[in-house]
């Protein structure tokens, strides 16, 4: 469940960021992703999606060795991702 939650949060962020940026309503605050979004939104989507898929595959692969760790790591990741996302939204007055 935590892995699914982490992927869902990341996908929500991907879609919402892309749509709101294309309508000129937000600016990407992540300094690593901002140049990609400004170059072309499709490039941003491909790179962001690749990171989401890589994280999912990595977590699913490692689950065979230590399921407890994967659940904990994904749960922590989902929590941190949510806190950062909400704080950036508050900071951007969205």
PDB file of N, CA and C in Angstrom:
ATOM      1  N   UNK A   1       0.805  -1.218   0.000  1.00  0.00           N
ATOM      2  CA  UNK A   1       0.000   0.000   0.000  1.00  0.00           C
ATOM      3  C   UNK A   1       0.846   1.279   0.000  1.00  0.00           C
ATOM      4  N   UNK A   2       1.915   1.376   0.812  1.00  0.00           N
ATOM      5  CA  UNK A   2       2.709   2.609   0.782  1.00  0.00           C
ATOM      6  C   UNK A   2       3.355   2.882  -0.581  1.00  0.00           C
ATOM      7  N   UNK A   3       3.754   1.827  -1.292  1.00  0.00           N
ATOM      8  CA  UNK A   3       4.353   2.033  -2.615  1.00  0.00           C
ATOM      9  C   UNK A   3       3.308   2.616  -3.560  1.00  0.00           C
ATOM     10  N   UNK A   4       2.106   2.092  -3.516  1.00  0.00           N
ATOM     11  CA  UNK A   4       1.007   2.597  -4.345  1.00  0.00           C
ATOM     12  C   UNK A   4       0.705   4.055  -4.000  1.00  0.00           C
ATOM     13  N   UNK A   5       0.706   4.370  -2.719  1.00  0.00           N
ATOM     14  CA  UNK A   5       0.455   5.744  -2.287  1.00  0.00           C
ATOM     15  C   UNK A   5       1.542   6.682  -2.794  1.00  0.00           C
ATOM     16  N   UNK A   6       2.792   6.268  -2.682  1.00  0.00           N
ATOM     17  CA  UNK A   6       3.904   7.090  -3.166  1.00  0.00           C
ATOM     18  C   UNK A   6       3.784   7.351  -4.664  1.00  0.00           C
ATOM     19  N   UNK A   7       3.491   6.326  -5.418  1.00  0.00           N
ATOM     20  CA  UNK A   7       3.327   6.477  -6.873  1.00  0.00           C
ATOM     21  C   UNK A   7       2.128   7.376  -7.192  1.00  0.00           C
ATOM     22  N   UNK A   8       1.036   7.213  -6.462  1.00  0.00           N
ATOM     23  CA  UNK A   8      -0.156   8.045  -6.694  1.00  0.00           C
ATOM     24  C   UNK A   8       0.139   9.521  -6.412  1.00  0.00           C
ATOM     25  N   UNK A   9       0.846   9.795  -5.327  1.00  0.00           N
ATOM     26  CA  UNK A   9       1.193  11.185  -5.004  1.00  0.00           C
ATOM     27  C   UNK A   9       2.095  11.764  -6.092  1.00  0.00           C
ATOM     28  N   UNK A  10       3.074  10.996  -6.532  1.00  0.00           N
ATOM     29  CA  UNK A  10       3.985  11.465  -7.576  1.00  0.00           C
ATOM     30  C   UNK A  10       3.245  11.715  -8.890  1.00  0.00           C
ATOM     31  N   UNK A  11       2.319  10.843  -9.237  1.00  0.00           N
ATOM     32  CA  UNK A  11       1.542  11.037 -10.475  1.00  0.00           C
ATOM     33  C   UNK A  11       0.632  12.257 -10.369  1.00  0.00           C
ATOM     34  N   UNK A  12       0.018  12.439  -9.207  1.00  0.00           N
ATOM     35  CA  UNK A  12      -0.815  13.617  -8.978  1.00  0.00           C
ATOM     36  C   UNK A  12       0.011  14.883  -9.146  1.00  0.00           C
ATOM     37  N   UNK A  13       1.201  14.890  -8.566  1.00  0.00           N
ATOM     38  CA  UNK A  13       2.111  16.029  -8.684  1.00  0.00           C
ATOM     39  C   UNK A  13       2.490  16.270 -10.144  1.00  0.00           C
ATOM     40  N   UNK A  14       2.803  15.218 -10.854  1.00  0.00           N
ATOM     41  CA  UNK A  14       3.178  15.325 -12.269  1.00  0.00           C
ATOM     42  C   UNK A  14       2.066  15.968 -13.086  1.00  0.00           C
ATOM     43  N   UNK A  15       0.868  15.455 -12.962  1.00  0.00           N
ATOM     44  CA  UNK A  15      -0.262  15.958 -13.747  1.00  0.00           C
ATOM     45  C   UNK A  15      -0.603  17.399 -13.351  1.00  0.00           C
ATOM     46  N   UNK A  16      -0.734  17.637 -12.061  1.00  0.00           N
ATOM     47  CA  UNK A  16      -1.124  18.969 -11.600  1.00  0.00           C
ATOM     48  C   UNK A  16      -0.073  20.022 -11.956  1.00  0.00           C
ATOM     49  N   UNK A  17       1.185  19.699 -11.751  1.00  0.00           N
ATOM     50  CA  UNK A  17       2.250  20.644 -12.091  1.00  0.00           C
ATOM     51  C   UNK A  17       2.238  20.973 -13.574  1.00  0.00           C
ATOM     52  N   UNK A  18       2.128  19.959 -14.414  1.00  0.00           N
ATOM     53  CA  UNK A  18       2.145  20.176 -15.863  1.00  0.00           C
ATOM     54  C   UNK A  18       0.959  21.026 -16.312  1.00  0.00           C
ATOM     55  N   UNK A  19      -0.225  20.684 -15.846  1.00  0.00           N
ATOM     56  CA  UNK A  19      -1.430  21.423 -16.253  1.00  0.00           C
ATOM     57  C   UNK A  19      -1.386  22.868 -15.771  1.00  0.00           C
ATOM     58  N   UNK A  20      -1.084  23.053 -14.488  1.00  0.00           N
ATOM     59  CA  UNK A  20      -1.064  24.421 -13.951  1.00  0.00           C
ATOM     60  C   UNK A  20       0.032  25.264 -14.584  1.00  0.00           C
ATOM     61  N   UNK A  21       1.181  24.663 -14.883  1.00  0.00           N
ATOM     62  CA  UNK A  21       2.250  25.404 -15.557  1.00  0.00           C
ATOM     63  C   UNK A  21       1.824  25.800 -16.972  1.00  0.00           C
ATOM     64  N   UNK A  22       1.211  24.882 -17.687  1.00  0.00           N
ATOM     65  CA  UNK A  22       0.786  25.175 -19.066  1.00  0.00           C
ATOM     66  C   UNK A  22      -0.263  26.286 -19.120  1.00  0.00           C
ATOM     67  N   UNK A  23      -1.038  26.433 -18.063  1.00  0.00           N
ATOM     68  CA  UNK A  23      -2.011  27.533 -17.989  1.00  0.00           C
ATOM     69  C   UNK A  23      -1.405  28.794 -17.385  1.00  0.00           C
ATOM     70  N   UNK A  24      -0.122  28.759 -17.080  1.00  0.00           N
ATOM     71  CA  UNK A  24       0.557  29.922 -16.541  1.00  0.00           C
ATOM     72  C   UNK A  24       0.192  30.252 -15.108  1.00  0.00           C
ATOM     73  N   UNK A  25      -0.282  29.267 -14.363  1.00  0.00           N
ATOM     74  CA  UNK A  25      -0.742  29.517 -13.001  1.00  0.00           C
ATOM     75  C   UNK A  25       0.321  29.264 -11.935  1.00  0.00           C
ATOM     76  N   UNK A  26       1.354  28.499 -12.283  1.00  0.00           N
ATOM     77  CA  UNK A  26       2.410  28.210 -11.311  1.00  0.00           C
ATOM     78  C   UNK A  26       3.773  28.240 -11.981  1.00  0.00           C
ATOM     79  N   UNK A  27       4.770  28.235 -11.138  1.00  0.00           N
ATOM     80  CA  UNK A  27       6.155  28.085 -11.564  1.00  0.00           C
ATOM     81  C   UNK A  27       6.691  26.852 -10.844  1.00  0.00           C
ATOM     82  N   UNK A  28       7.445  26.030 -11.531  1.00  0.00           N
ATOM     83  CA  UNK A  28       8.046  24.848 -10.895  1.00  0.00           C
ATOM     84  C   UNK A  28       9.093  25.318  -9.897  1.00  0.00           C
ATOM     85  N   UNK A  29       8.975  24.886  -8.654  1.00  0.00           N
ATOM     86  CA  UNK A  29       9.893  25.318  -7.613  1.00  0.00           C
ATOM     87  C   UNK A  29      11.100  24.395  -7.464  1.00  0.00           C
ATOM     88  N   UNK A  30      11.011  23.186  -7.989  1.00  0.00           N
ATOM     89  CA  UNK A  30      12.129  22.252  -7.909  1.00  0.00           C
ATOM     90  C   UNK A  30      13.215  22.716  -8.886  1.00  0.00           C
ATOM     91  N   UNK A  31      14.381  23.116  -8.368  1.00  0.00           N
ATOM     92  CA  UNK A  31      15.421  23.653  -9.249  1.00  0.00           C
ATOM     93  C   UNK A  31      15.990  22.638 -10.232  1.00  0.00           C
ATOM     94  N   UNK A  32      15.817  21.358  -9.965  1.00  0.00           N
ATOM     95  CA  UNK A  32      16.293  20.335 -10.903  1.00  0.00           C
ATOM     96  C   UNK A  32      15.310  20.112 -12.046  1.00  0.00           C
ATOM     97  N   UNK A  33      14.025  20.259 -11.771  1.00  0.00           N
ATOM     98  CA  UNK A  33      13.003  20.004 -12.785  1.00  0.00           C
ATOM     99  C   UNK A  33      12.582  21.263 -13.548  1.00  0.00           C
ATOM    100  N   UNK A  34      12.789  22.422 -12.951  1.00  0.00           N
ATOM    101  CA  UNK A  34      12.359  23.690 -13.575  1.00  0.00           C
ATOM    102  C   UNK A  34      12.894  23.864 -15.001  1.00  0.00           C
ATOM    103  N   UNK A  35      14.203  23.650 -15.244  1.00  0.00           N
ATOM    104  CA  UNK A  35      14.697  23.836 -16.615  1.00  0.00           C
ATOM    105  C   UNK A  35      14.035  22.896 -17.625  1.00  0.00           C
ATOM    106  N   UNK A  36      13.712  21.691 -17.190  1.00  0.00           N
ATOM    107  CA  UNK A  36      13.052  20.742 -18.095  1.00  0.00           C
ATOM    108  C   UNK A  36      11.659  21.226 -18.466  1.00  0.00           C
ATOM    109  N   UNK A  37      10.941  21.739 -17.495  1.00  0.00           N
ATOM    110  CA  UNK A  37       9.583  22.223 -17.742  1.00  0.00           C
ATOM    111  C   UNK A  37       9.609  23.439 -18.652  1.00  0.00           C
ATOM    112  N   UNK A  38      10.604  24.298 -18.450  1.00  0.00           N
ATOM    113  CA  UNK A  38      10.714  25.497 -19.299  1.00  0.00           C
ATOM    114  C   UNK A  38      11.190  25.159 -20.705  1.00  0.00           C
ATOM    115  N   UNK A  39      11.981  24.096 -20.836  1.00  0.00           N
ATOM    116  CA  UNK A  39      12.409  23.674 -22.171  1.00  0.00           C
ATOM    117  C   UNK A  39      11.216  23.172 -22.960  1.00  0.00           C
ATOM    118  N   UNK A  40      10.474  22.257 -22.371  1.00  0.00           N
ATOM    119  CA  UNK A  40       9.237  21.757 -22.981  1.00  0.00           C
ATOM    120  C   UNK A  40       8.506  20.899 -21.946  1.00  0.00           C
ATOM    121  N   UNK A  41       7.217  21.136 -21.752  1.00  0.00           N
ATOM    122  CA  UNK A  41       6.470  20.332 -20.778  1.00  0.00           C
ATOM    123  C   UNK A  41       6.556  18.824 -21.030  1.00  0.00           C
ATOM    124  N   UNK A  42       6.630  18.420 -22.297  1.00  0.00           N
ATOM    125  CA  UNK A  42       6.720  16.980 -22.588  1.00  0.00           C
ATOM    126  C   UNK A  42       8.027  16.399 -22.056  1.00  0.00           C
ATOM    127  N   UNK A  43       9.106  17.160 -22.122  1.00  0.00           N
ATOM    128  CA  UNK A  43      10.384  16.704 -21.584  1.00  0.00           C
ATOM    129  C   UNK A  43      10.283  16.524 -20.074  1.00  0.00           C
ATOM    130  N   UNK A  44       9.653  17.472 -19.418  1.00  0.00           N
ATOM    131  CA  UNK A  44       9.407  17.385 -17.983  1.00  0.00           C
ATOM    132  C   UNK A  44       8.616  16.120 -17.654  1.00  0.00           C
ATOM    133  N   UNK A  45       7.560  15.859 -18.408  1.00  0.00           N
ATOM    134  CA  UNK A  45       6.703  14.687 -18.162  1.00  0.00           C
ATOM    135  C   UNK A  45       7.498  13.397 -18.333  1.00  0.00           C
ATOM    136  N   UNK A  46       8.290  13.305 -19.390  1.00  0.00           N
ATOM    137  CA  UNK A  46       9.062  12.084 -19.649  1.00  0.00           C
ATOM    138  C   UNK A  46      10.065  11.825 -18.526  1.00  0.00           C
ATOM    139  N   UNK A  47      10.796  12.856 -18.114  1.00  0.00           N
ATOM    140  CA  UNK A  47      11.805  12.677 -17.066  1.00  0.00           C
ATOM    141  C   UNK A  47      11.142  12.359 -15.728  1.00  0.00           C
ATOM    142  N   UNK A  48      10.080  13.093 -15.395  1.00  0.00           N
ATOM    143  CA  UNK A  48       9.385  12.859 -14.127  1.00  0.00           C
ATOM    144  C   UNK A  48       8.781  11.456 -14.105  1.00  0.00           C
ATOM    145  N   UNK A  49       8.159  11.059 -15.213  1.00  0.00           N
ATOM    146  CA  UNK A  49       7.579   9.724 -15.298  1.00  0.00           C
ATOM    147  C   UNK A  49       8.658   8.652 -15.190  1.00  0.00           C
ATOM    148  N   UNK A  50       9.805   8.887 -15.801  1.00  0.00           N
ATOM    149  CA  UNK A  50      10.913   7.922 -15.719  1.00  0.00           C
ATOM    150  C   UNK A  50      11.382   7.758 -14.276  1.00  0.00           C
ATOM    151  N   UNK A  51      11.423   8.849 -13.508  1.00  0.00           N
ATOM    152  CA  UNK A  51      11.846   8.738 -12.102  1.00  0.00           C
ATOM    153  C   UNK A  51      10.796   7.984 -11.275  1.00  0.00           C
ATOM    154  N   UNK A  52       9.534   8.208 -11.582  1.00  0.00           N
ATOM    155  CA  UNK A  52       8.466   7.502 -10.866  1.00  0.00           C
ATOM    156  C   UNK A  52       8.529   6.005 -11.166  1.00  0.00           C
ATOM    157  N   UNK A  53       8.679   5.665 -12.426  1.00  0.00           N
ATOM    158  CA  UNK A  53       8.748   4.258 -12.832  1.00  0.00           C
ATOM    159  C   UNK A  53       9.997   3.597 -12.241  1.00  0.00           C
ATOM    160  N   UNK A  54      11.132   4.297 -12.268  1.00  0.00           N
ATOM    161  CA  UNK A  54      12.369   3.738 -11.707  1.00  0.00           C
ATOM    162  C   UNK A  54      12.222   3.478 -10.213  1.00  0.00           C
ATOM    163  N   UNK A  55      11.615   4.404  -9.504  1.00  0.00           N
ATOM    164  CA  UNK A  55      11.402   4.221  -8.064  1.00  0.00           C
ATOM    165  C   UNK A  55      10.479   3.031  -7.814  1.00  0.00           C
ATOM    166  N   UNK A  56       9.411   2.920  -8.588  1.00  0.00           N
ATOM    167  CA  UNK A  56       8.471   1.810  -8.434  1.00  0.00           C
ATOM    168  C   UNK A  56       9.156   0.470  -8.697  1.00  0.00           C
ATOM    169  N   UNK A  57       9.893   0.398  -9.778  1.00  0.00           N
ATOM    170  CA  UNK A  57      10.584  -0.854 -10.121  1.00  0.00           C
ATOM    171  C   UNK A  57      11.615  -1.204  -9.046  1.00  0.00           C
ATOM    172  N   UNK A  58      12.373  -0.204  -8.616  1.00  0.00           N
ATOM    173  CA  UNK A  58      13.372  -0.454  -7.584  1.00  0.00           C
ATOM    174  C   UNK A  58      12.756  -0.942  -6.287  1.00  0.00           C
ATOM    175  N   UNK A  59      11.678  -0.301  -5.875  1.00  0.00           N
ATOM    176  CA  UNK A  59      11.004  -0.723  -4.641  1.00  0.00           C
ATOM    177  C   UNK A  59      10.404  -2.123  -4.788  1.00  0.00           C
ATOM    178  N   UNK A  60       9.805  -2.399  -5.927  1.00  0.00           N
ATOM    179  CA  UNK A  60       9.210  -3.723  -6.137  1.00  0.00           C
ATOM    180  C   UNK A  60      10.295  -4.803  -6.173  1.00  0.00           C
ATOM    181  N   UNK A  61      11.419  -4.503  -6.782  1.00  0.00           N
ATOM    182  CA  UNK A  61      12.512  -5.463  -6.839  1.00  0.00           C
ATOM    183  C   UNK A  61      13.049  -5.737  -5.435  1.00  0.00           C
ATOM    184  N   UNK A  62      13.274  -4.667  -4.658  1.00  0.00           N
ATOM    185  CA  UNK A  62      13.862  -4.835  -3.328  1.00  0.00           C
ATOM    186  C   UNK A  62      12.888  -5.474  -2.339  1.00  0.00           C
ATOM    187  N   UNK A  63      11.619  -5.414  -2.649  1.00  0.00           N
ATOM    188  CA  UNK A  63      10.599  -6.018  -1.782  1.00  0.00           C
ATOM    189  C   UNK A  63      10.867  -7.505  -1.535  1.00  0.00           C
ATOM    190  N   UNK A  64      11.438  -8.198  -2.509  1.00  0.00           N
ATOM    191  CA  UNK A  64      11.727  -9.632  -2.351  1.00  0.00           C
ATOM    192  C   UNK A  64      12.778  -9.890  -1.276  1.00  0.00           C
ATOM    193  N   UNK A  65      13.598  -8.894  -0.968  1.00  0.00           N
ATOM    194  CA  UNK A  65      14.638  -9.055   0.045  1.00  0.00           C
ATOM    195  C   UNK A  65      14.213  -8.543   1.422  1.00  0.00           C
ATOM    196  N   UNK A  66      13.446  -7.447   1.427  1.00  0.00           N
ATOM    197  CA  UNK A  66      13.072  -6.845   2.712  1.00  0.00           C
ATOM    198  C   UNK A  66      11.780  -6.036   2.551  1.00  0.00           C
ATOM    199  N   UNK A  67      10.672  -6.748   2.648  1.00  0.00           N
ATOM    200  CA  UNK A  67       9.376  -6.097   2.446  1.00  0.00           C
ATOM    201  C   UNK A  67       9.111  -5.028   3.504  1.00  0.00           C
ATOM    202  N   UNK A  68       9.522  -5.287   4.715  1.00  0.00           N
ATOM    203  CA  UNK A  68       9.297  -4.316   5.796  1.00  0.00           C
ATOM    204  C   UNK A  68      10.002  -2.989   5.493  1.00  0.00           C
ATOM    205  N   UNK A  69      11.249  -3.078   5.033  1.00  0.00           N
ATOM    206  CA  UNK A  69      11.989  -1.866   4.683  1.00  0.00           C
ATOM    207  C   UNK A  69      11.310  -1.104   3.552  1.00  0.00           C
ATOM    208  N   UNK A  70      10.855  -1.817   2.539  1.00  0.00           N
ATOM    209  CA  UNK A  70      10.198  -1.170   1.393  1.00  0.00           C
ATOM    210  C   UNK A  70       8.939  -0.436   1.845  1.00  0.00           C
ATOM    211  N   UNK A  71       8.158  -1.070   2.691  1.00  0.00           N
ATOM    212  CA  UNK A  71       6.941  -0.417   3.195  1.00  0.00           C
ATOM    213  C   UNK A  71       7.293   0.833   3.992  1.00  0.00           C
ATOM    214  N   UNK A  72       8.311   0.733   4.831  1.00  0.00           N
ATOM    215  CA  UNK A  72       8.739   1.877   5.639  1.00  0.00           C
ATOM    216  C   UNK A  72       9.299   2.992   4.757  1.00  0.00           C
ATOM    217  N   UNK A  73      10.163   2.639   3.814  1.00  0.00           N
ATOM    218  CA  UNK A  73      10.770   3.630   2.930  1.00  0.00           C
ATOM    219  C   UNK A  73       9.711   4.330   2.073  1.00  0.00           C
ATOM    220  N   UNK A  74       8.792   3.569   1.526  1.00  0.00           N
ATOM    221  CA  UNK A  74       7.737   4.155   0.696  1.00  0.00           C
ATOM    222  C   UNK A  74       6.802   5.023   1.539  1.00  0.00           C
ATOM    223  N   UNK A  75       6.500   4.587   2.739  1.00  0.00           N
ATOM    224  CA  UNK A  75       5.653   5.381   3.633  1.00  0.00           C
ATOM    225  C   UNK A  75       6.326   6.691   4.006  1.00  0.00           C
ATOM    226  N   UNK A  76       7.610   6.622   4.336  1.00  0.00           N
ATOM    227  CA  UNK A  76       8.363   7.856   4.649  1.00  0.00           C
ATOM    228  C   UNK A  76       8.449   8.744   3.415  1.00  0.00           C
ATOM    229  N   UNK A  77       8.704   8.140   2.276  1.00  0.00           N
ATOM    230  CA  UNK A  77       8.783   8.904   1.030  1.00  0.00           C
ATOM    231  C   UNK A  77       7.475   9.612   0.711  1.00  0.00           C
ATOM    232  N   UNK A  78       6.369   8.919   0.891  1.00  0.00           N
ATOM    233  CA  UNK A  78       5.051   9.520   0.629  1.00  0.00           C
ATOM    234  C   UNK A  78       4.784  10.664   1.596  1.00  0.00           C
ATOM    235  N   UNK A  79       5.186  10.487   2.851  1.00  0.00           N
ATOM    236  CA  UNK A  79       4.981  11.541   3.847  1.00  0.00           C
ATOM    237  C   UNK A  79       5.812  12.774   3.524  1.00  0.00           C
ATOM    238  N   UNK A  80       7.093  12.573   3.259  1.00  0.00           N
ATOM    239  CA  UNK A  80       7.973  13.703   2.942  1.00  0.00           C
ATOM    240  C   UNK A  80       7.514  14.393   1.656  1.00  0.00           C
ATOM    241  N   UNK A  81       7.195  13.625   0.637  1.00  0.00           N
ATOM    242  CA  UNK A  81       6.726  14.181  -0.636  1.00  0.00           C
ATOM    243  C   UNK A  81       5.492  15.050  -0.394  1.00  0.00           C
ATOM    244  N   UNK A  82       4.556  14.556   0.390  1.00  0.00           N
ATOM    245  CA  UNK A  82       3.330  15.307   0.675  1.00  0.00           C
ATOM    246  C   UNK A  82       3.621  16.591   1.433  1.00  0.00           C
ATOM    247  N   UNK A  83       4.476  16.514   2.441  1.00  0.00           N
ATOM    248  CA  UNK A  83       4.807  17.706   3.234  1.00  0.00           C
ATOM    249  C   UNK A  83       5.499  18.750   2.365  1.00  0.00           C
ATOM    250  N   UNK A  84       6.455  18.332   1.563  1.00  0.00           N
ATOM    251  CA  UNK A  84       7.154  19.275   0.677  1.00  0.00           C
ATOM    252  C   UNK A  84       6.175  19.880  -0.321  1.00  0.00           C
ATOM    253  N   UNK A  85       5.342  19.055  -0.918  1.00  0.00           N
ATOM    254  CA  UNK A  85       4.397  19.537  -1.929  1.00  0.00           C
ATOM    255  C   UNK A  85       3.420  20.546  -1.328  1.00  0.00           C
ATOM    256  N   UNK A  86       2.855  20.224  -0.173  1.00  0.00           N
ATOM    257  CA  UNK A  86       1.901  21.128   0.479  1.00  0.00           C
ATOM    258  C   UNK A  86       2.592  22.416   0.883  1.00  0.00           C
ATOM    259  N   UNK A  87       3.801  22.330   1.432  1.00  0.00           N
ATOM    260  CA  UNK A  87       4.500  23.562   1.847  1.00  0.00           C
ATOM    261  C   UNK A  87       4.846  24.427   0.650  1.00  0.00           C
ATOM    262  N   UNK A  88       5.228  23.811  -0.480  1.00  0.00           N
ATOM    263  CA  UNK A  88       5.499  24.600  -1.677  1.00  0.00           C
ATOM    264  C   UNK A  88       4.216  25.258  -2.194  1.00  0.00           C
ATOM    265  N   UNK A  89       3.105  24.542  -2.121  1.00  0.00           N
ATOM    266  CA  UNK A  89       1.828  25.115  -2.556  1.00  0.00           C
ATOM    267  C   UNK A  89       1.424  26.298  -1.672  1.00  0.00           C
ATOM    268  N   UNK A  90       1.627  26.142  -0.372  1.00  0.00           N
ATOM    269  CA  UNK A  90       1.317  27.233   0.546  1.00  0.00           C
ATOM    270  C   UNK A  90       2.230  28.424   0.266  1.00  0.00           C
ATOM    271  N   UNK A  91       3.503  28.136   0.058  1.00  0.00           N
ATOM    272  CA  UNK A  91       4.468  29.198  -0.248  1.00  0.00           C
ATOM    273  C   UNK A  91       4.166  29.898  -1.562  1.00  0.00           C
ATOM    274  N   UNK A  92       3.593  29.174  -2.496  1.00  0.00           N
ATOM    275  CA  UNK A  92       3.258  29.749  -3.803  1.00  0.00           C
ATOM    276  C   UNK A  92       1.844  30.330  -3.818  1.00  0.00           C
ATOM    277  N   UNK A  93       1.142  30.232  -2.690  1.00  0.00           N
ATOM    278  CA  UNK A  93      -0.218  30.759  -2.541  1.00  0.00           C
ATOM    279  C   UNK A  93      -1.197  30.119  -3.507  1.00  0.00           C
ATOM    280  N   UNK A  94      -1.097  28.800  -3.648  1.00  0.00           N
ATOM    281  CA  UNK A  94      -2.037  28.080  -4.527  1.00  0.00           C
ATOM    282  C   UNK A  94      -3.186  27.589  -3.687  1.00  0.00           C
TER     283      UNK A  94
END
